[in-house]
């Protein structure tokens, strides 16, 4: 009998500590299953976890509970869900808002931890993608001191299109691994050289 578990699920189940991972996806519900599995596994091994998104935090908590993440993790504050709001304006305004959000998320986070977040919510513009890439580079350069593992999700259809191929190459160079999960049950993992 063959194992039909999708490769992205197998990868997050066997994840080495302190990994910086980009998740490229096309179906948001499939990406969410990968993200929740990553979080749930971290909780089960005693890690603190953070899920930061532009979606309503209450609806994310309900989805996590329905997924099978026990309420006790929210009650003990081992799992925190943050809602990040889109920052409007030019590059400087976006960067300022993002730095404020990063401070909020990291304020009392206890290592080892797992986090799912992309700090610039709107990467459909050149300014948004540029700020996101700068933050990814900074994070990756200092990742040894980061204290945990991080999945940065990217909806390929929402990424700024004129330079998408270059953005993806730059993101690949600033992560330990890429999970490519286009449609449910499909995908692969590409590790940095």
Protein backbone atom coordinates (compact mmCIF):
# COMPACT_ATOMS: atom_id res chain seq x y z
CA UNK A 1 0.00 0.00 0.00
CA UNK A 2 1.45 3.36 -1.00
CA UNK A 3 1.49 6.50 1.15
CA UNK A 4 -0.83 9.10 -0.38
CA UNK A 5 0.16 11.89 2.00
CA UNK A 6 1.03 14.99 -0.07
CA UNK A 7 4.73 15.93 -0.05
CA UNK A 8 4.12 19.36 1.59
CA UNK A 9 2.43 17.60 4.55
CA UNK A 10 5.29 15.13 4.90
CA UNK A 11 7.76 18.00 4.88
CA UNK A 12 6.09 20.01 7.67
CA UNK A 13 5.69 16.80 9.70
CA UNK A 14 9.45 16.15 9.60
CA UNK A 15 10.69 19.73 9.75
CA UNK A 16 14.12 20.41 11.21
CA UNK A 17 14.26 23.24 13.79
CA UNK A 18 14.80 26.87 12.76
CA UNK A 19 13.67 26.79 9.14
CA UNK A 20 12.67 29.80 7.02
CA UNK A 21 10.18 28.54 4.43
CA UNK A 22 8.28 30.22 1.60
CA UNK A 23 4.95 28.64 0.68
CA UNK A 24 3.90 29.31 -2.93
CA UNK A 25 0.28 28.35 -3.56
CA UNK A 26 -2.73 28.87 -5.80
CA UNK A 27 -5.53 27.39 -3.66
CA UNK A 28 -5.82 29.21 -0.35
CA UNK A 29 -7.60 26.35 1.45
CA UNK A 30 -4.82 23.92 0.56
CA UNK A 31 -2.22 26.42 1.81
CA UNK A 32 -4.20 26.82 5.03
CA UNK A 33 -4.12 23.04 5.63
CA UNK A 34 -0.33 23.08 5.27
CA UNK A 35 -0.04 26.10 7.59
CA UNK A 36 -2.35 24.61 10.24
CA UNK A 37 -0.52 21.27 10.12
CA UNK A 38 2.77 23.14 10.66
CA UNK A 39 1.29 25.00 13.65
CA UNK A 40 -0.41 21.93 15.17
CA UNK A 41 2.77 19.88 15.00
CA UNK A 42 4.72 22.69 16.68
CA UNK A 43 2.16 22.90 19.49
CA UNK A 44 2.31 19.12 20.01
CA UNK A 45 6.08 19.28 20.54
CA UNK A 46 5.81 22.19 22.99
CA UNK A 47 6.65 25.13 20.74
CA UNK A 48 4.90 28.49 20.99
CA UNK A 49 3.08 29.40 17.78
CA UNK A 50 1.89 32.55 16.02
CA UNK A 51 -0.43 32.89 13.06
CA UNK A 52 -0.53 36.43 11.63
CA UNK A 53 -2.80 37.25 8.71
CA UNK A 54 -4.96 40.01 7.25
CA UNK A 55 -8.01 37.79 7.81
CA UNK A 56 -10.24 38.29 10.83
CA UNK A 57 -8.46 36.68 13.79
CA UNK A 58 -11.72 35.32 15.24
CA UNK A 59 -12.55 33.46 12.03
CA UNK A 60 -9.02 32.01 11.96
CA UNK A 61 -9.39 30.76 15.55
CA UNK A 62 -12.68 29.06 14.59
CA UNK A 63 -11.04 27.46 11.53
CA UNK A 64 -8.16 26.22 13.70
CA UNK A 65 -10.58 24.73 16.21
CA UNK A 66 -12.48 23.02 13.37
CA UNK A 67 -9.16 21.73 12.03
CA UNK A 68 -8.55 20.02 15.39
CA UNK A 69 -6.26 22.41 17.22
CA UNK A 70 -7.41 22.18 20.86
CA UNK A 71 -8.81 25.25 22.66
CA UNK A 72 -6.29 24.80 25.49
CA UNK A 73 -3.50 26.18 23.29
CA UNK A 74 -5.37 29.47 22.88
CA UNK A 75 -6.26 29.60 26.57
CA UNK A 76 -2.66 29.04 27.65
CA UNK A 77 -1.45 31.61 25.08
CA UNK A 78 0.84 28.98 23.54
CA UNK A 79 -0.93 29.87 20.28
CA UNK A 80 -1.66 33.46 19.31
CA UNK A 81 -3.50 34.72 16.24
CA UNK A 82 -2.92 38.31 15.08
CA UNK A 83 -4.76 40.29 12.45
CA UNK A 84 -2.40 42.45 10.41
CA UNK A 85 -3.96 45.35 8.53
CA UNK A 86 -2.87 46.41 5.07
CA UNK A 87 -0.60 49.43 5.08
CA UNK A 88 -1.35 51.95 2.37
CA UNK A 89 0.94 54.51 0.83
CA UNK A 90 4.41 54.44 -0.62
CA UNK A 91 7.41 52.37 0.28
CA UNK A 92 8.30 54.31 3.46
CA UNK A 93 4.75 54.12 4.85
CA UNK A 94 4.55 50.40 4.12
CA UNK A 95 7.91 49.76 5.82
CA UNK A 96 6.94 51.81 8.88
CA UNK A 97 3.66 49.92 9.29
CA UNK A 98 5.37 46.57 8.82
CA UNK A 99 8.04 47.29 11.42
CA UNK A 100 5.30 48.19 13.90
CA UNK A 101 3.52 44.88 13.17
CA UNK A 102 6.77 42.88 13.54
CA UNK A 103 7.38 44.46 16.96
CA UNK A 104 3.83 43.56 18.06
CA UNK A 105 4.16 39.94 16.91
CA UNK A 106 7.62 39.35 18.40
CA UNK A 107 7.01 41.32 21.63
CA UNK A 108 6.61 38.41 24.07
CA UNK A 109 7.27 35.41 21.83
CA UNK A 110 9.12 32.61 23.61
CA UNK A 111 11.55 30.40 21.63
CA UNK A 112 11.42 27.82 20.27
CA UNK A 113 8.44 28.88 18.19
CA UNK A 114 6.69 28.45 14.87
CA UNK A 115 5.16 31.29 12.97
CA UNK A 116 3.03 31.66 9.84
CA UNK A 117 3.08 35.19 8.51
CA UNK A 118 3.87 37.40 5.59
CA UNK A 119 4.25 40.86 7.04
CA UNK A 120 3.40 42.86 3.90
CA UNK A 121 -0.15 41.79 3.18
CA UNK A 122 -0.42 43.44 -0.24
CA UNK A 123 2.35 42.21 -2.54
CA UNK A 124 0.43 43.11 -5.69
CA UNK A 125 2.40 46.35 -6.10
CA UNK A 126 6.08 46.95 -6.78
CA UNK A 127 6.41 48.92 -3.51
CA UNK A 128 4.70 46.19 -1.48
CA UNK A 129 6.76 43.41 -3.00
CA UNK A 130 9.97 45.44 -2.65
CA UNK A 131 9.38 46.02 1.08
CA UNK A 132 8.43 42.36 1.58
CA UNK A 133 11.60 41.20 -0.16
CA UNK A 134 13.76 43.57 1.91
CA UNK A 135 12.19 42.23 5.12
CA UNK A 136 12.65 38.63 3.93
CA UNK A 137 16.35 39.30 3.21
CA UNK A 138 16.87 40.90 6.63
CA UNK A 139 15.09 38.04 8.38
CA UNK A 140 17.02 35.39 6.48
CA UNK A 141 20.40 37.09 7.08
CA UNK A 142 19.72 37.08 10.85
CA UNK A 143 17.82 33.80 11.00
CA UNK A 144 20.27 32.04 13.33
CA UNK A 145 19.13 34.50 16.02
CA UNK A 146 15.43 34.27 15.11
CA UNK A 147 14.48 31.54 17.60
CA UNK A 148 12.11 29.40 15.57
CA UNK A 149 10.67 28.35 12.23
CA UNK A 150 8.70 30.57 9.90
CA UNK A 151 6.40 29.91 6.93
CA UNK A 152 5.87 32.91 4.66
CA UNK A 153 2.81 32.26 2.44
CA UNK A 154 2.56 33.68 -1.09
CA UNK A 155 -0.56 33.42 -3.22
CA UNK A 156 0.99 33.37 -6.68
CA UNK A 157 -2.06 35.05 -8.22
CA UNK A 158 -1.72 38.00 -5.80
CA UNK A 159 1.97 38.66 -6.42
CA UNK A 160 3.04 41.70 -8.45
CA UNK A 161 3.11 40.31 -11.97
CA UNK A 162 5.61 42.34 -14.00
CA UNK A 163 8.57 40.97 -12.03
CA UNK A 164 6.98 37.80 -10.60
CA UNK A 165 9.66 35.45 -11.89
CA UNK A 166 12.45 37.62 -10.45
CA UNK A 167 10.58 38.06 -7.12
CA UNK A 168 10.22 34.27 -6.84
CA UNK A 169 13.93 33.76 -7.52
CA UNK A 170 14.84 36.39 -4.92
CA UNK A 171 12.48 34.79 -2.40
CA UNK A 172 13.94 31.35 -3.12
CA UNK A 173 17.42 32.72 -2.41
CA UNK A 174 16.26 34.08 0.97
CA UNK A 175 14.61 30.97 2.41
CA UNK A 176 15.90 27.59 3.50
CA UNK A 177 13.15 25.86 1.52
CA UNK A 178 10.24 26.49 -0.83
CA UNK A 179 7.00 24.56 -0.57
CA UNK A 180 5.29 24.69 -3.93
CA UNK A 181 1.67 23.64 -3.44
CA UNK A 182 -0.38 24.72 -6.47
CA UNK A 183 -3.49 22.56 -5.98
CA UNK A 184 -4.76 20.20 -3.31
CA UNK A 185 -2.67 17.06 -3.05
CA UNK A 186 0.01 18.38 -5.38
CA UNK A 187 3.32 20.03 -4.76
CA UNK A 188 6.91 19.61 -3.84
CA UNK A 189 9.62 20.97 -1.60
CA UNK A 190 12.78 22.59 -2.88
CA UNK A 191 15.59 23.10 -0.38
CA UNK A 192 18.36 25.69 -0.65
CA UNK A 193 21.71 24.49 -1.84
